[in-house]
Protein backbone atom coordinates (compact mmCIF):
# COMPACT_ATOMS: atom_id res chain seq x y z
CA MET A 1 60.57 73.59 121.26
CA LYS A 2 57.58 71.86 123.24
CA ILE A 3 56.81 72.68 126.52
CA LEU A 4 56.72 69.69 128.51
CA LEU A 5 54.17 68.97 130.71
CA SER A 6 56.23 67.98 134.10
CA GLU A 7 58.07 71.14 133.47
CA SER A 8 54.53 73.13 133.27
CA ILE A 9 53.27 71.55 136.22
CA ARG A 10 56.64 72.49 138.58
CA LYS A 11 56.81 75.91 137.12
CA ARG A 12 53.23 76.99 138.74
CA GLN A 13 54.32 75.02 141.30
CA LYS A 14 57.42 77.70 142.11
CA GLN A 15 54.72 80.35 140.88
CA GLY A 16 52.58 79.74 144.35
CA LEU A 17 49.79 78.31 142.31
CA PHE A 18 47.90 75.07 142.34
CA PRO A 19 48.90 73.39 138.61
CA VAL A 20 45.70 72.53 137.00
CA ILE A 21 45.41 71.07 133.44
CA SER A 22 41.96 72.32 131.61
CA GLU A 23 40.21 70.18 129.23
CA ILE A 24 38.58 70.60 125.89
CA LYS A 25 36.10 67.74 125.42
CA VAL A 26 32.78 67.74 122.64
CA ARG A 27 30.44 65.44 125.09
CA SER A 28 30.16 62.76 127.09
CA LYS A 29 27.75 59.89 128.09
CA LYS A 30 26.71 60.90 131.47
CA ASP A 31 26.51 64.86 130.20
CA GLY A 32 25.75 65.23 127.01
CA ASP A 33 26.71 67.87 124.77
CA LEU A 34 29.29 69.79 126.39
CA LEU A 35 30.91 72.17 123.50
CA LYS A 36 26.80 73.74 123.10
CA GLY A 37 27.88 74.51 119.60
CA ARG A 38 31.02 77.37 120.58
CA ASP A 39 34.23 77.28 119.06
CA PRO A 40 36.55 74.88 120.77
CA ARG A 41 39.67 77.38 119.67
CA GLU A 42 38.25 80.30 121.31
CA LEU A 43 37.21 78.07 124.46
CA ALA A 44 40.88 76.87 124.82
CA ARG A 45 42.32 81.14 124.26
CA GLU A 46 39.92 81.89 126.99
CA MET A 47 41.30 78.60 129.64
CA VAL A 48 44.96 80.10 129.28
CA THR A 49 44.03 83.84 129.94
CA CYS A 50 44.52 81.66 133.09
CA PRO A 51 47.24 80.37 134.50
CA VAL A 52 46.72 76.56 133.71
CA ALA A 53 49.56 74.04 133.55
CA ALA A 54 48.41 72.48 130.52
CA ILE A 55 45.70 72.09 128.28
CA SER A 56 43.98 68.42 127.59
CA VAL A 57 41.86 67.28 124.37
CA VAL A 58 39.68 64.06 124.09
CA THR A 59 39.55 63.17 120.55
CA GLU A 60 37.87 60.42 120.97
CA PRO A 61 35.22 60.01 118.17
CA VAL A 62 32.16 57.62 119.14
CA HIS A 63 31.77 58.28 122.42
CA PHE A 64 33.39 61.98 123.30
CA GLY A 65 33.04 63.15 119.55
CA GLY A 66 36.19 64.42 119.20
CA ASP A 67 38.56 63.56 116.33
CA MET A 68 42.17 64.82 115.48
CA GLU A 69 41.27 67.92 113.42
CA LEU A 70 40.59 68.86 117.14
CA LEU A 71 43.68 68.34 118.84
CA ARG A 72 45.70 70.60 115.82
CA ASP A 73 43.07 73.03 115.89
CA ILE A 74 43.79 73.41 120.01
CA GLY A 75 47.58 72.88 119.56
CA GLY A 76 47.63 75.81 116.98
CA ALA A 77 46.19 77.82 119.15
CA VAL A 78 47.64 77.88 122.68
CA ASP A 79 51.39 78.31 123.94
CA VAL A 80 50.81 75.92 127.01
CA PRO A 81 51.91 72.02 127.07
CA VAL A 82 48.31 69.62 125.12
CA LEU A 83 48.09 66.37 126.21
CA HIS A 84 46.21 63.69 124.11
CA LYS A 85 43.58 61.62 125.24
CA ASP A 86 42.00 59.27 123.71
CA PHE A 87 41.71 55.12 123.64
CA ILE A 88 45.77 55.44 122.78
CA THR A 89 46.63 51.38 121.44
CA THR A 90 49.31 51.95 119.17
CA GLU A 91 52.82 53.54 117.83
CA ARG A 92 50.81 54.69 114.76
CA GLN A 93 47.97 56.96 117.66
CA ILE A 94 51.69 57.89 119.60
CA ALA A 95 52.96 59.38 116.47
CA GLU A 96 49.82 61.27 115.25
CA SER A 97 50.25 63.12 118.59
CA ALA A 98 53.22 64.16 118.19
CA ASP A 99 52.17 65.02 114.60
CA SER A 100 49.26 67.23 115.86
CA GLY A 101 51.03 69.33 118.35
CA ALA A 102 50.38 67.26 120.96
CA SER A 103 53.08 67.45 124.40
CA ALA A 104 52.11 64.28 126.02
CA VAL A 105 49.50 61.41 125.91
CA LEU A 106 47.26 59.78 128.17
CA LEU A 107 47.76 55.83 128.91
CA ILE A 108 45.02 54.00 130.34
CA THR A 109 46.00 51.10 132.03
CA GLY A 110 42.77 49.09 132.27
CA MET A 111 42.67 48.93 128.63
CA LEU A 112 46.88 48.07 128.00
CA SER A 113 48.09 44.84 128.46
CA ASP A 114 51.79 45.10 130.26
CA LYS A 115 53.49 44.74 127.40
CA GLN A 116 51.40 46.95 125.60
CA ILE A 117 52.60 49.98 127.73
CA VAL A 118 55.65 49.33 128.21
CA ARG A 119 55.52 49.50 124.38
CA LEU A 120 53.58 52.74 124.04
CA ILE A 121 55.95 54.43 126.66
CA SER A 122 59.13 54.12 123.99
CA ALA A 123 57.07 54.89 121.41
CA ALA A 124 56.20 58.41 123.20
CA LYS A 125 59.82 59.05 124.24
CA THR A 126 60.64 58.10 120.91
CA CYS A 127 58.69 60.97 119.31
CA GLY A 128 59.40 63.74 122.42
CA LEU A 129 56.12 63.05 124.28
CA GLU A 130 55.49 62.47 127.68
CA THR A 131 53.04 60.03 128.85
CA LEU A 132 50.46 60.46 131.69
CA VAL A 133 49.60 56.62 132.69
CA GLU A 134 45.94 56.93 134.23
CA VAL A 135 45.19 54.04 137.17
CA HIS A 136 41.93 53.98 139.00
CA ASP A 137 42.52 50.91 140.88
CA LEU A 138 45.58 49.68 143.34
CA GLN A 139 46.06 46.62 141.26
CA GLU A 140 46.65 48.99 138.11
CA LEU A 141 48.36 51.11 140.27
CA ARG A 142 51.16 48.32 140.75
CA ARG A 143 50.74 47.08 137.56
CA VAL A 144 52.73 50.93 136.34
CA GLU A 145 54.95 51.96 139.40
CA SER A 146 58.04 50.43 138.17
CA LEU A 147 57.75 51.84 134.60
CA GLU A 148 59.66 54.51 132.80
CA LEU A 149 56.51 56.73 133.18
CA ASP A 150 57.18 61.10 133.46
CA LEU A 151 53.32 61.48 135.08
CA ILE A 152 51.01 59.03 136.58
CA GLY A 153 46.93 59.54 136.78
CA ILE A 154 44.31 58.11 139.50
CA ASN A 155 41.01 59.01 137.33
CA ASN A 156 38.33 59.20 139.97
CA ARG A 157 36.08 57.58 137.88
CA ASP A 158 36.02 54.31 136.15
CA ILE A 159 36.73 55.11 131.61
CA LYS A 160 35.85 51.62 131.65
CA ILE A 161 32.26 52.05 132.05
CA LEU A 162 32.79 55.70 129.96
CA GLU A 163 32.96 57.54 133.40
CA CYS A 164 29.21 56.96 134.14
CA ASP A 165 29.73 55.90 137.90
CA ASP A 166 29.39 58.73 140.77
CA THR A 167 33.33 58.02 142.58
CA ASP A 168 34.70 61.49 143.62
CA VAL A 169 37.80 63.10 144.73
CA GLY A 170 37.10 60.49 147.56
CA HIS A 171 39.41 58.06 145.64
CA THR A 172 41.89 60.30 144.88
CA GLU A 173 42.37 60.10 148.57
CA ASP A 174 42.16 56.63 149.03
CA LEU A 175 44.93 55.45 146.26
CA ALA A 176 47.29 57.91 146.69
CA ARG A 177 48.37 57.27 150.11
CA PHE A 178 49.84 53.93 148.18
CA CYS A 179 51.28 55.85 145.46
CA ARG A 180 55.46 55.06 145.32
CA VAL A 181 56.21 56.53 142.31
CA LYS A 182 58.57 59.53 142.16
CA LYS A 183 56.75 61.46 139.58
CA PRO A 184 54.05 63.91 139.17
CA LEU A 185 50.22 62.42 140.32
CA ILE A 186 47.70 64.21 139.27
CA SER A 187 44.28 63.32 140.28
CA GLU A 188 41.41 63.48 137.34
CA SER A 189 37.51 63.73 136.71
CA SER A 190 35.33 64.90 139.67
CA ILE A 191 36.96 67.82 140.42
CA ALA A 192 34.25 70.53 140.11
CA CYS A 193 35.42 73.38 142.48
CA ALA A 194 38.46 74.28 145.20
CA GLY A 195 37.59 72.50 147.91
CA ASP A 196 37.47 69.49 145.32
CA VAL A 197 41.24 71.03 144.46
CA ARG A 198 42.60 71.49 148.15
CA ARG A 199 41.41 67.66 148.89
CA ALA A 200 43.17 66.10 145.71
CA GLY A 201 46.48 67.97 146.98
CA LYS A 202 46.35 67.31 150.32
CA SER A 203 45.91 63.67 149.70
CA GLY A 204 49.48 64.06 147.39
CA ALA A 205 48.42 65.47 144.32
CA HIS A 206 50.72 67.69 142.28
CA GLY A 207 47.86 68.44 139.63
CA VAL A 208 44.36 68.44 139.05
CA LEU A 209 42.85 67.87 135.22
CA ILE A 210 39.39 69.38 134.74
CA GLY A 211 36.93 68.16 132.41
CA THR A 212 33.02 68.33 132.81
CA ALA A 213 32.84 71.21 135.37
CA VAL A 214 34.74 73.41 133.37
CA MET A 215 33.29 72.94 129.92
CA ARG A 216 29.83 73.32 132.44
CA ALA A 217 30.88 76.49 133.88
CA LYS A 218 28.92 79.63 133.41
CA SER A 219 32.73 81.55 134.27
CA ILE A 220 35.36 79.25 132.66
CA THR A 221 38.14 82.01 133.97
CA GLY A 222 36.12 82.22 137.20
CA LEU A 223 36.55 78.54 137.77
CA LEU A 224 39.72 78.33 136.87
CA ASN A 225 41.09 80.86 138.78
CA GLU A 226 39.71 79.84 141.63
CA MET A 227 41.05 76.60 141.39
CA ILE A 228 44.30 77.81 140.56
CA SER A 229 44.38 80.34 143.70
CA VAL A 230 44.22 77.08 145.92
CA GLY A 231 47.87 77.62 146.16
CA TRP A 232 51.11 75.47 146.23
CA PRO A 233 52.21 74.20 148.28
CA ILE A 234 48.87 72.73 150.30
């Protein structure tokens, strides 16, 4: 039986740890090759030697170099929830996520209509998946705050320009105070150190998603343990 992402986040909090979602991403437009020839399954196994809340897997092929085989490989390699990140727009993609071992899917508000979001949340529930609905600004937050989502994410960078901007965790600090959603809040992107985690937590985030920083870290376990050890509550 799949462990739900929201349950894993609460579990880490009860253990006095700050919930961290560690990401496998092949490349980014801003930072180039992130995998650097390493085996993504081994990277994921290394990540889960730390008490992470989940592993995120980016499967978008054109800009981020992923594919669905990557999701299947990671899903079979770890025993924590797996978050599927892609530009998900169809029910078919949701079904493929479930079949490939995901526990949750990312839905990007800025790339979807209101009707699409409602339809995809429903499809995810049918497939036994949780939804992390991502927003970047107040207008997007207001669009989704009444929906039956499972988690809400604030992306500190703008995915519509492939996260090439230079905003940081201050974006979560600015936006989180307007969040009225009684669901776990995840601060995403531009999280590079324990200080960023602490800032996100003090602003109201219940967890953080770390992508590029962990892929570029000299010591993956060192960085993750440093962030997790910020502790809960903040």
